Amino acid sequence: MLENDLTLAAMAEALAKSTDYRVLRRLARRETFAPSNGQATKTGIVLDVETTGLDQKKDEVIELGMVKFDYLADGRIAGLKDVFSSFNEPSVPIPPEVTALTGITAEMVAGQRIDEGAVSSFVGDAVIVIAHNAGFDRKFAERYWQIFQRKAWGCSATEVEWRKHGFEGSRLGYLLNGAGFFHQAHRAVDDCHALVEVLAFELPNGVPALAMLLEQARKKTMRVWAEQSPFDLKDALKRRGYRWSDGSDGKPKSWYVDIDESKLEAEITFLKTEIYLRDVEPRLQTLTAFDRFSIRS
């Protein structure tokens, strides 16, 4: 068996040296990444939830996975600290399409509950929680476990400009392939380990992906509300990146867009000259990593 493994490794090495082939290796968990050499570190958590559906108000979490890691001031990951994995039995049957996607069956979750005290203890020392679609995962996480409402969050799908760095998209599996690996997708902890590897990946500019994410997460985001905008200009707003709020949860019933603070003046100019055709002072909302992606924002 060992001889065969060595043969496969030699074959992979030979193929990797050719410009006609790319070699993907199965992702293997590793504990250490960059040596800390006595440097101070901070603690982050990568999180993923598997759910019964996409509705963040009524669907339920069936699996929570988290990987805790230490990182250096320059954004390099030093190493893994701990892993959390737990099932939760929902109050309704798991839809067949969810089982087909995740492999999670009713038998696997039967009688299982995710202990809130264990979650709080695991998350307590983290300064940031990262998910690959934080707009989805955060809303589920903070609905179940209050500690996530008090944490800073980052989104590895939207807060790294993957296309700018040569990637054609931001899907986790694709990014992992770009780093030279493949993994078992759509299981919470497996996706977490994959995301840690992606965050540790050095981009073409020589900077780790995690460093780029942290830089973006620290910036303020301005939410601009285009209230009472003309109906016939909704397509212009959509092309600009505006989304519709139906007025639920006390939010305005209006189109809105989230932009970097540095782009606020240009956005207001757009609204004045292209939408309202007059001076306007739109409703503004400041978002930080502590409320961005939250069900409350």
Foldseek 3Di string as FASTA:
>chain_A
DVVVVVVVVVVQVVQCPDPVDAAFAADDFDFFDDACVPADKAKEKEKDFQWLDQDLPPIATFKIKMWMFIAHPLQATGGTDDIDIFGAQDPDARDPVSCVQAVDHNVNHVPTDDDQVVVCVVCVRHQEYEYQPLLRVLSNVCVVHVVSLQHFYWHLQPQFPVVVLPQPHRDLQSLLVVVRYGYDPNGINRSRSSVSSSQNDQTPVRGGSSSSRVVSQAFKKKKWWPPPWDPVCVVVLVVVPWDADCCPPNDDRTTIHIDTPVCVVVVQVCCCVPIPVHHDDTDMDIDHSSCPSYPND
